[in-house]
Amino acid sequence: MNIQFFIVGIIAAILGVVLILNHKFYKYKTSDMLFVAKLRVFLGSSVLTLFGLLVLYDELKKVVN
């Protein structure tokens, strides 16, 4: 297990979840420009969270095998 990748995965997952919770795009109407900006941040943070979880999964899989 590479501890640096594990730490990066934890940080990415936590940061992504925090960004998701802070940028609630669904509070705005679709015609509002703020909706688009919040949606972009929300989708980017979703990708960041998924990246963190995949890194954690890969590192934990190495420990089990």
PDB file of N, CA and C in Angstrom:
ATOM      1  N   MET A   1       0.845  -1.180   0.000  1.00  0.00           N
ATOM      2  CA  MET A   1       0.000   0.000   0.000  1.00  0.00           C
ATOM      3  C   MET A   1       0.888   1.240   0.000  1.00  0.00           C
ATOM      4  N   ASN A   2       0.600   2.139  -0.897  1.00  0.00           N
ATOM      5  CA  ASN A   2       1.326   3.399  -0.984  1.00  0.00           C
ATOM      6  C   ASN A   2       0.594   4.431  -0.122  1.00  0.00           C
ATOM      7  N   ILE A   3       1.223   4.827   0.966  1.00  0.00           N
ATOM      8  CA  ILE A   3       0.564   5.702   1.937  1.00  0.00           C
ATOM      9  C   ILE A   3       0.272   7.080   1.348  1.00  0.00           C
ATOM     10  N   GLN A   4       1.100   7.554   0.409  1.00  0.00           N
ATOM     11  CA  GLN A   4       0.847   8.869  -0.195  1.00  0.00           C
ATOM     12  C   GLN A   4      -0.433   8.856  -1.030  1.00  0.00           C
ATOM     13  N   PHE A   5      -0.633   7.796  -1.811  1.00  0.00           N
ATOM     14  CA  PHE A   5      -1.868   7.684  -2.585  1.00  0.00           C
ATOM     15  C   PHE A   5      -3.071   7.573  -1.664  1.00  0.00           C
ATOM     16  N   PHE A   6      -2.914   6.838  -0.576  1.00  0.00           N
ATOM     17  CA  PHE A   6      -4.001   6.672   0.383  1.00  0.00           C
ATOM     18  C   PHE A   6      -4.403   8.022   0.981  1.00  0.00           C
ATOM     19  N   ILE A   7      -3.417   8.824   1.355  1.00  0.00           N
ATOM     20  CA  ILE A   7      -3.696  10.146   1.929  1.00  0.00           C
ATOM     21  C   ILE A   7      -4.330  11.065   0.884  1.00  0.00           C
ATOM     22  N   VAL A   8      -3.838  11.014  -0.350  1.00  0.00           N
ATOM     23  CA  VAL A   8      -4.423  11.827  -1.422  1.00  0.00           C
ATOM     24  C   VAL A   8      -5.874  11.413  -1.666  1.00  0.00           C
ATOM     25  N   GLY A   9      -6.149  10.126  -1.618  1.00  0.00           N
ATOM     26  CA  GLY A   9      -7.522   9.647  -1.794  1.00  0.00           C
ATOM     27  C   GLY A   9      -8.448  10.137  -0.701  1.00  0.00           C
ATOM     28  N   ILE A  10      -7.975  10.107   0.540  1.00  0.00           N
ATOM     29  CA  ILE A  10      -8.788  10.593   1.662  1.00  0.00           C
ATOM     30  C   ILE A  10      -9.052  12.089   1.522  1.00  0.00           C
ATOM     31  N   ILE A  11      -8.010  12.846   1.208  1.00  0.00           N
ATOM     32  CA  ILE A  11      -8.166  14.304   1.071  1.00  0.00           C
ATOM     33  C   ILE A  11      -9.108  14.640  -0.082  1.00  0.00           C
ATOM     34  N   ALA A  12      -8.970  13.948  -1.210  1.00  0.00           N
ATOM     35  CA  ALA A  12      -9.828  14.226  -2.365  1.00  0.00           C
ATOM     36  C   ALA A  12     -11.282  13.896  -2.056  1.00  0.00           C
ATOM     37  N   ALA A  13     -11.521  12.777  -1.383  1.00  0.00           N
ATOM     38  CA  ALA A  13     -12.895  12.395  -1.056  1.00  0.00           C
ATOM     39  C   ALA A  13     -13.523  13.388  -0.083  1.00  0.00           C
ATOM     40  N   ILE A  14     -12.782  13.781   0.934  1.00  0.00           N
ATOM     41  CA  ILE A  14     -13.322  14.725   1.919  1.00  0.00           C
ATOM     42  C   ILE A  14     -13.560  16.090   1.283  1.00  0.00           C
ATOM     43  N   LEU A  15     -12.603  16.561   0.498  1.00  0.00           N
ATOM     44  CA  LEU A  15     -12.753  17.856  -0.161  1.00  0.00           C
ATOM     45  C   LEU A  15     -13.938  17.847  -1.127  1.00  0.00           C
ATOM     46  N   GLY A  16     -14.107  16.760  -1.854  1.00  0.00           N
ATOM     47  CA  GLY A  16     -15.239  16.655  -2.773  1.00  0.00           C
ATOM     48  C   GLY A  16     -16.575  16.685  -2.059  1.00  0.00           C
ATOM     49  N   VAL A  17     -16.673  15.979  -0.937  1.00  0.00           N
ATOM     50  CA  VAL A  17     -17.925  15.971  -0.175  1.00  0.00           C
ATOM     51  C   VAL A  17     -18.223  17.355   0.398  1.00  0.00           C
ATOM     52  N   VAL A  18     -17.201  18.028   0.900  1.00  0.00           N
ATOM     53  CA  VAL A  18     -17.401  19.381   1.441  1.00  0.00           C
ATOM     54  C   VAL A  18     -17.872  20.329   0.342  1.00  0.00           C
ATOM     55  N   LEU A  19     -17.270  20.238  -0.834  1.00  0.00           N
ATOM     56  CA  LEU A  19     -17.692  21.100  -1.942  1.00  0.00           C
ATOM     57  C   LEU A  19     -19.117  20.784  -2.389  1.00  0.00           C
ATOM     58  N   ILE A  20     -19.478  19.507  -2.393  1.00  0.00           N
ATOM     59  CA  ILE A  20     -20.843  19.128  -2.756  1.00  0.00           C
ATOM     60  C   ILE A  20     -21.840  19.726  -1.772  1.00  0.00           C
ATOM     61  N   LEU A  21     -21.520  19.654  -0.492  1.00  0.00           N
ATOM     62  CA  LEU A  21     -22.441  20.176   0.517  1.00  0.00           C
ATOM     63  C   LEU A  21     -22.535  21.699   0.490  1.00  0.00           C
ATOM     64  N   ASN A  22     -21.487  22.375   0.055  1.00  0.00           N
ATOM     65  CA  ASN A  22     -21.506  23.839   0.021  1.00  0.00           C
ATOM     66  C   ASN A  22     -22.177  24.414  -1.224  1.00  0.00           C
ATOM     67  N   HIS A  23     -22.166  23.696  -2.330  1.00  0.00           N
ATOM     68  CA  HIS A  23     -22.696  24.221  -3.596  1.00  0.00           C
ATOM     69  C   HIS A  23     -23.951  23.457  -3.984  1.00  0.00           C
ATOM     70  N   LYS A  24     -25.063  23.902  -3.450  1.00  0.00           N
ATOM     71  CA  LYS A  24     -26.348  23.262  -3.735  1.00  0.00           C
ATOM     72  C   LYS A  24     -26.985  23.965  -4.934  1.00  0.00           C
ATOM     73  N   PHE A  25     -26.765  23.395  -6.105  1.00  0.00           N
ATOM     74  CA  PHE A  25     -27.233  24.028  -7.334  1.00  0.00           C
ATOM     75  C   PHE A  25     -28.745  23.951  -7.478  1.00  0.00           C
ATOM     76  N   TYR A  26     -29.395  23.017  -6.817  1.00  0.00           N
ATOM     77  CA  TYR A  26     -30.824  22.811  -6.994  1.00  0.00           C
ATOM     78  C   TYR A  26     -31.673  23.885  -6.311  1.00  0.00           C
ATOM     79  N   LYS A  27     -31.057  24.800  -5.588  1.00  0.00           N
ATOM     80  CA  LYS A  27     -31.808  25.895  -4.965  1.00  0.00           C
ATOM     81  C   LYS A  27     -32.109  27.019  -5.959  1.00  0.00           C
ATOM     82  N   TYR A  28     -31.504  26.982  -7.131  1.00  0.00           N
ATOM     83  CA  TYR A  28     -31.658  28.053  -8.111  1.00  0.00           C
ATOM     84  C   TYR A  28     -32.520  27.583  -9.275  1.00  0.00           C
ATOM     85  N   LYS A  29     -33.155  28.537  -9.942  1.00  0.00           N
ATOM     86  CA  LYS A  29     -33.930  28.215 -11.137  1.00  0.00           C
ATOM     87  C   LYS A  29     -32.968  27.975 -12.296  1.00  0.00           C
ATOM     88  N   THR A  30     -33.404  27.183 -13.252  1.00  0.00           N
ATOM     89  CA  THR A  30     -32.521  26.834 -14.367  1.00  0.00           C
ATOM     90  C   THR A  30     -32.219  28.026 -15.265  1.00  0.00           C
ATOM     91  N   SER A  31     -33.035  29.051 -15.223  1.00  0.00           N
ATOM     92  CA  SER A  31     -32.774  30.232 -16.055  1.00  0.00           C
ATOM     93  C   SER A  31     -31.742  31.166 -15.420  1.00  0.00           C
ATOM     94  N   ASP A  32     -31.407  30.938 -14.177  1.00  0.00           N
ATOM     95  CA  ASP A  32     -30.447  31.784 -13.463  1.00  0.00           C
ATOM     96  C   ASP A  32     -29.024  31.360 -13.825  1.00  0.00           C
ATOM     97  N   MET A  33     -28.148  32.336 -14.042  1.00  0.00           N
ATOM     98  CA  MET A  33     -26.762  32.014 -14.385  1.00  0.00           C
ATOM     99  C   MET A  33     -26.011  31.401 -13.207  1.00  0.00           C
ATOM    100  N   LEU A  34     -26.444  31.702 -11.999  1.00  0.00           N
ATOM    101  CA  LEU A  34     -25.816  31.104 -10.829  1.00  0.00           C
ATOM    102  C   LEU A  34     -26.040  29.593 -10.803  1.00  0.00           C
ATOM    103  N   PHE A  35     -27.165  29.149 -11.386  1.00  0.00           N
ATOM    104  CA  PHE A  35     -27.448  27.721 -11.477  1.00  0.00           C
ATOM    105  C   PHE A  35     -26.344  27.009 -12.242  1.00  0.00           C
ATOM    106  N   VAL A  36     -25.937  27.589 -13.353  1.00  0.00           N
ATOM    107  CA  VAL A  36     -24.904  26.972 -14.190  1.00  0.00           C
ATOM    108  C   VAL A  36     -23.571  26.933 -13.455  1.00  0.00           C
ATOM    109  N   ALA A  37     -23.231  28.012 -12.785  1.00  0.00           N
ATOM    110  CA  ALA A  37     -21.962  28.059 -12.054  1.00  0.00           C
ATOM    111  C   ALA A  37     -21.952  27.045 -10.915  1.00  0.00           C
ATOM    112  N   LYS A  38     -23.037  26.980 -10.166  1.00  0.00           N
ATOM    113  CA  LYS A  38     -23.118  26.027  -9.052  1.00  0.00           C
ATOM    114  C   LYS A  38     -23.136  24.591  -9.566  1.00  0.00           C
ATOM    115  N   LEU A  39     -23.804  24.368 -10.693  1.00  0.00           N
ATOM    116  CA  LEU A  39     -23.850  23.028 -11.269  1.00  0.00           C
ATOM    117  C   LEU A  39     -22.462  22.573 -11.702  1.00  0.00           C
ATOM    118  N   ARG A  40     -21.681  23.474 -12.291  1.00  0.00           N
ATOM    119  CA  ARG A  40     -20.318  23.119 -12.707  1.00  0.00           C
ATOM    120  C   ARG A  40     -19.458  22.744 -11.509  1.00  0.00           C
ATOM    121  N   VAL A  41     -19.560  23.515 -10.436  1.00  0.00           N
ATOM    122  CA  VAL A  41     -18.783  23.207  -9.234  1.00  0.00           C
ATOM    123  C   VAL A  41     -19.260  21.896  -8.628  1.00  0.00           C
ATOM    124  N   PHE A  42     -20.567  21.678  -8.619  1.00  0.00           N
ATOM    125  CA  PHE A  42     -21.126  20.443  -8.069  1.00  0.00           C
ATOM    126  C   PHE A  42     -20.645  19.226  -8.852  1.00  0.00           C
ATOM    127  N   LEU A  43     -20.679  19.308 -10.162  1.00  0.00           N
ATOM    128  CA  LEU A  43     -20.233  18.177 -10.980  1.00  0.00           C
ATOM    129  C   LEU A  43     -18.730  17.947 -10.846  1.00  0.00           C
ATOM    130  N   GLY A  44     -17.967  19.011 -10.780  1.00  0.00           N
ATOM    131  CA  GLY A  44     -16.521  18.874 -10.577  1.00  0.00           C
ATOM    132  C   GLY A  44     -16.189  18.249  -9.242  1.00  0.00           C
ATOM    133  N   SER A  45     -16.923  18.642  -8.218  1.00  0.00           N
ATOM    134  CA  SER A  45     -16.673  18.058  -6.898  1.00  0.00           C
ATOM    135  C   SER A  45     -17.153  16.614  -6.838  1.00  0.00           C
ATOM    136  N   SER A  46     -18.165  16.274  -7.627  1.00  0.00           N
ATOM    137  CA  SER A  46     -18.587  14.874  -7.703  1.00  0.00           C
ATOM    138  C   SER A  46     -17.487  14.013  -8.327  1.00  0.00           C
ATOM    139  N   VAL A  47     -16.850  14.540  -9.358  1.00  0.00           N
ATOM    140  CA  VAL A  47     -15.733  13.822  -9.985  1.00  0.00           C
ATOM    141  C   VAL A  47     -14.569  13.699  -9.005  1.00  0.00           C
ATOM    142  N   LEU A  48     -14.297  14.750  -8.250  1.00  0.00           N
ATOM    143  CA  LEU A  48     -13.229  14.725  -7.253  1.00  0.00           C
ATOM    144  C   LEU A  48     -13.512  13.681  -6.171  1.00  0.00           C
ATOM    145  N   THR A  49     -14.756  13.603  -5.724  1.00  0.00           N
ATOM    146  CA  THR A  49     -15.137  12.605  -4.728  1.00  0.00           C
ATOM    147  C   THR A  49     -14.979  11.200  -5.293  1.00  0.00           C
ATOM    148  N   LEU A  50     -15.429  10.991  -6.512  1.00  0.00           N
ATOM    149  CA  LEU A  50     -15.295   9.682  -7.144  1.00  0.00           C
ATOM    150  C   LEU A  50     -13.831   9.302  -7.306  1.00  0.00           C
ATOM    151  N   PHE A  51     -12.993  10.251  -7.698  1.00  0.00           N
ATOM    152  CA  PHE A  51     -11.557  10.009  -7.815  1.00  0.00           C
ATOM    153  C   PHE A  51     -10.974   9.564  -6.475  1.00  0.00           C
ATOM    154  N   GLY A  52     -11.330  10.271  -5.404  1.00  0.00           N
ATOM    155  CA  GLY A  52     -10.835   9.920  -4.075  1.00  0.00           C
ATOM    156  C   GLY A  52     -11.277   8.536  -3.646  1.00  0.00           C
ATOM    157  N   LEU A  53     -12.537   8.205  -3.915  1.00  0.00           N
ATOM    158  CA  LEU A  53     -13.041   6.888  -3.535  1.00  0.00           C
ATOM    159  C   LEU A  53     -12.384   5.774  -4.348  1.00  0.00           C
ATOM    160  N   LEU A  54     -12.120   6.031  -5.622  1.00  0.00           N
ATOM    161  CA  LEU A  54     -11.455   5.018  -6.447  1.00  0.00           C
ATOM    162  C   LEU A  54     -10.010   4.793  -6.010  1.00  0.00           C
ATOM    163  N   VAL A  55      -9.320   5.858  -5.626  1.00  0.00           N
ATOM    164  CA  VAL A  55      -7.953   5.715  -5.118  1.00  0.00           C
ATOM    165  C   VAL A  55      -7.965   4.923  -3.813  1.00  0.00           C
ATOM    166  N   LEU A  56      -8.903   5.237  -2.928  1.00  0.00           N
ATOM    167  CA  LEU A  56      -9.014   4.488  -1.670  1.00  0.00           C
ATOM    168  C   LEU A  56      -9.324   3.020  -1.931  1.00  0.00           C
ATOM    169  N   TYR A  57     -10.226   2.757  -2.863  1.00  0.00           N
ATOM    170  CA  TYR A  57     -10.571   1.377  -3.202  1.00  0.00           C
ATOM    171  C   TYR A  57      -9.357   0.625  -3.735  1.00  0.00           C
ATOM    172  N   ASP A  58      -8.601   1.262  -4.620  1.00  0.00           N
ATOM    173  CA  ASP A  58      -7.424   0.621  -5.198  1.00  0.00           C
ATOM    174  C   ASP A  58      -6.367   0.328  -4.136  1.00  0.00           C
ATOM    175  N   GLU A  59      -6.143   1.277  -3.243  1.00  0.00           N
ATOM    176  CA  GLU A  59      -5.129   1.075  -2.207  1.00  0.00           C
ATOM    177  C   GLU A  59      -5.568   0.010  -1.200  1.00  0.00           C
ATOM    178  N   LEU A  60      -6.838  -0.015  -0.856  1.00  0.00           N
ATOM    179  CA  LEU A  60      -7.320  -1.043   0.072  1.00  0.00           C
ATOM    180  C   LEU A  60      -7.338  -2.421  -0.584  1.00  0.00           C
ATOM    181  N   LYS A  61      -7.566  -2.459  -1.897  1.00  0.00           N
ATOM    182  CA  LYS A  61      -7.526  -3.725  -2.622  1.00  0.00           C
ATOM    183  C   LYS A  61      -6.116  -4.311  -2.614  1.00  0.00           C
ATOM    184  N   LYS A  62      -5.104  -3.442  -2.670  1.00  0.00           N
ATOM    185  CA  LYS A  62      -3.717  -3.908  -2.614  1.00  0.00           C
ATOM    186  C   LYS A  62      -3.399  -4.520  -1.256  1.00  0.00           C
ATOM    187  N   VAL A  63      -3.995  -3.992  -0.199  1.00  0.00           N
ATOM    188  CA  VAL A  63      -3.741  -4.512   1.147  1.00  0.00           C
ATOM    189  C   VAL A  63      -4.359  -5.896   1.306  1.00  0.00           C
ATOM    190  N   VAL A  64      -5.555  -6.084   0.772  1.00  0.00           N
ATOM    191  CA  VAL A  64      -6.262  -7.353   0.926  1.00  0.00           C
ATOM    192  C   VAL A  64      -5.570  -8.456   0.137  1.00  0.00           C
ATOM    193  N   ASN A  65      -5.087  -8.133  -1.055  1.00  0.00           N
ATOM    194  CA  ASN A  65      -4.448  -9.167  -1.890  1.00  0.00           C
ATOM    195  C   ASN A  65      -3.015  -9.287  -1.600  1.00  0.00           C
TER     196      ASN A  65
END
